Amino acid sequence: MDFVSDQLSDGNKIRSLTVVDTYSCECLATYVCIRLRAEDVNQVLTDICRRRQKPVRIHCDNGSEFASQMTELCAYSNEVKLAFSRPGRPIDNAFIESLNGSFRDECLNCHWFDSLRDAKLKINAWRADYNESRPN
């Protein structure tokens, strides 16, 4: 999992939490919000664990949202190990970096988002297309 930032047409920044399954290459989440906190990360992870089999390990960088005590507690209570990338080494999490590159090239750079709702609709449509219309 990782974050991608962009902005709305009015200049307000948005952030997307992206989550990819490294086995199936399926994009499990593209959660979009103005401000993402550890609570949001935990909610997305809990929702994913309810929908499908729990992962054994989640790989992420050392961002404050991922390294928080709340996120560690959520992972521990779900029996999921958090694996952190080495600082300055995006290749440690190559699957999410690849997904984020496709996400930026095929969605964020191609759309002008009028509102947060508009961004969520377009980003969710991209995720559905990414998961359903291409072989992974």
Protein backbone atom coordinates (compact mmCIF):
# COMPACT_ATOMS: atom_id res chain seq x y z
CA MET A 1 0.00 0.00 0.00
CA ASP A 2 1.06 3.55 -0.66
CA PHE A 3 -0.26 7.06 -1.21
CA VAL A 4 -0.63 9.10 -4.39
CA SER A 5 -1.36 12.83 -4.34
CA ASP A 6 -3.14 15.01 -6.88
CA GLN A 7 -5.40 18.04 -6.84
CA LEU A 8 -8.89 19.14 -7.76
CA SER A 9 -9.63 21.80 -10.37
CA ASP A 10 -9.99 24.39 -7.58
CA GLY A 11 -6.45 23.66 -6.36
CA ASN A 12 -7.40 21.64 -3.27
CA LYS A 13 -5.15 18.64 -2.79
CA ILE A 14 -6.42 15.08 -2.65
CA ARG A 15 -4.69 11.89 -1.58
CA SER A 16 -5.38 8.33 -2.62
CA LEU A 17 -4.49 5.25 -0.63
CA THR A 18 -3.69 2.50 -3.12
CA VAL A 19 -3.53 -1.17 -2.16
CA VAL A 20 -2.44 -3.97 -4.51
CA ASP A 21 -2.45 -7.75 -4.08
CA THR A 22 1.05 -8.83 -5.14
CA TYR A 23 -0.14 -12.34 -6.04
CA SER A 24 -3.06 -11.48 -8.32
CA CYS A 25 -1.94 -7.90 -9.15
CA GLU A 26 -5.50 -6.81 -8.35
CA CYS A 27 -5.94 -3.26 -7.12
CA LEU A 28 -7.82 -3.82 -3.85
CA ALA A 29 -8.43 -0.17 -2.98
CA THR A 30 -8.10 3.37 -4.22
CA TYR A 31 -9.45 5.27 -1.25
CA VAL A 32 -9.65 9.00 -2.03
CA CYS A 33 -9.91 11.79 0.53
CA ILE A 34 -8.74 15.33 1.17
CA ARG A 35 -6.73 14.28 4.21
CA LEU A 36 -5.84 10.67 4.97
CA ARG A 37 -5.02 9.61 8.51
CA ALA A 38 -4.07 6.36 10.22
CA GLU A 39 -7.77 5.82 11.04
CA ASP A 40 -8.60 5.88 7.32
CA VAL A 41 -5.82 3.38 6.55
CA ASN A 42 -7.13 1.08 9.27
CA GLN A 43 -10.70 1.30 7.98
CA VAL A 44 -9.62 0.46 4.42
CA LEU A 45 -7.56 -2.51 5.66
CA THR A 46 -10.43 -3.74 7.83
CA ASP A 47 -12.82 -3.49 4.87
CA ILE A 48 -10.41 -5.46 2.66
CA CYS A 49 -10.01 -8.16 5.33
CA ARG A 50 -13.81 -8.49 5.57
CA ARG A 51 -14.19 -8.92 1.79
CA ARG A 52 -11.45 -11.45 1.19
CA GLN A 53 -8.86 -13.63 2.84
CA LYS A 54 -6.59 -11.72 5.20
CA PRO A 55 -3.09 -11.10 3.88
CA VAL A 56 -0.15 -12.59 5.71
CA ARG A 57 1.91 -9.44 5.20
CA ILE A 58 1.37 -5.87 4.03
CA HIS A 59 4.30 -4.01 2.52
CA CYS A 60 4.39 -0.23 2.88
CA ASP A 61 6.77 2.67 3.28
CA ASN A 62 7.59 4.42 6.55
CA GLY A 63 4.93 7.12 6.26
CA SER A 64 3.39 8.32 9.51
CA GLU A 65 0.00 6.84 8.58
CA PHE A 66 1.54 3.39 8.20
CA ALA A 67 3.99 3.53 11.11
CA SER A 68 1.44 4.71 13.68
CA GLN A 69 0.65 2.69 16.77
CA MET A 70 -2.98 2.50 15.64
CA THR A 71 -2.03 0.85 12.34
CA GLU A 72 0.32 -1.56 14.10
CA LEU A 73 -2.45 -2.48 16.54
CA CYS A 74 -4.92 -3.02 13.67
CA ALA A 75 -2.42 -5.26 11.87
CA TYR A 76 -1.62 -7.17 15.06
CA SER A 77 -5.28 -7.73 15.92
CA ASN A 78 -5.88 -9.08 12.39
CA GLU A 79 -2.71 -11.23 12.57
CA VAL A 80 -1.12 -9.39 9.66
CA LYS A 81 2.58 -8.52 9.58
CA LEU A 82 3.61 -5.01 8.46
CA ALA A 83 6.76 -4.96 6.33
CA PHE A 84 8.36 -1.56 5.78
CA SER A 85 10.48 -0.43 2.84
CA ARG A 86 13.94 0.88 3.47
CA PRO A 87 13.99 4.70 3.33
CA GLY A 88 14.70 5.93 -0.19
CA ARG A 89 14.22 2.48 -1.73
CA PRO A 90 10.96 2.45 -3.73
CA ILE A 91 12.08 -0.76 -5.45
CA ASP A 92 11.41 -2.55 -2.12
CA ASN A 93 7.72 -2.08 -2.88
CA ALA A 94 7.84 -2.43 -6.66
CA PHE A 95 4.30 -3.79 -7.09
CA ILE A 96 2.64 -0.71 -5.60
CA GLU A 97 5.05 1.63 -7.40
CA SER A 98 4.07 -0.01 -10.69
CA LEU A 99 0.37 0.29 -9.87
CA ASN A 100 0.83 3.94 -8.88
CA GLY A 101 2.61 4.66 -12.17
CA SER A 102 -0.28 3.19 -14.14
CA PHE A 103 -2.76 5.03 -11.91
CA ARG A 104 -1.03 8.36 -12.52
CA ASP A 105 -0.55 7.83 -16.29
CA GLU A 106 -3.98 6.38 -17.04
CA CYS A 107 -6.21 8.21 -14.59
CA LEU A 108 -4.79 11.17 -12.68
CA ASN A 109 -3.00 12.73 -15.66
CA CYS A 110 -6.00 12.16 -17.95
CA HIS A 111 -8.76 13.70 -15.83
CA TRP A 112 -9.65 17.08 -14.43
CA PHE A 113 -11.46 16.53 -11.13
CA ASP A 114 -14.17 19.11 -10.41
CA SER A 115 -14.88 17.87 -6.88
CA LEU A 116 -13.96 15.14 -4.44
CA ARG A 117 -17.06 13.22 -5.53
CA ASP A 118 -16.02 13.53 -9.18
CA ALA A 119 -12.52 12.29 -8.30
CA LYS A 120 -13.92 9.30 -6.43
CA LEU A 121 -16.20 8.36 -9.35
CA LYS A 122 -13.45 8.59 -11.97
CA ILE A 123 -10.85 6.86 -9.82
CA ASN A 124 -13.21 4.00 -8.92
CA ALA A 125 -14.07 3.59 -12.61
CA TRP A 126 -10.35 3.38 -13.40
CA ARG A 127 -9.86 0.76 -10.67
CA ALA A 128 -12.73 -1.34 -12.02
CA ASP A 129 -11.25 -1.14 -15.52
CA TYR A 130 -7.77 -1.95 -14.21
CA ASN A 131 -9.04 -5.07 -12.43
CA GLU A 132 -11.53 -6.33 -15.00
CA SER A 133 -10.38 -5.30 -18.47
CA ARG A 134 -6.75 -6.29 -18.52
CA PRO A 135 -4.84 -9.44 -17.83
CA ASN A 136 -2.68 -9.19 -14.73
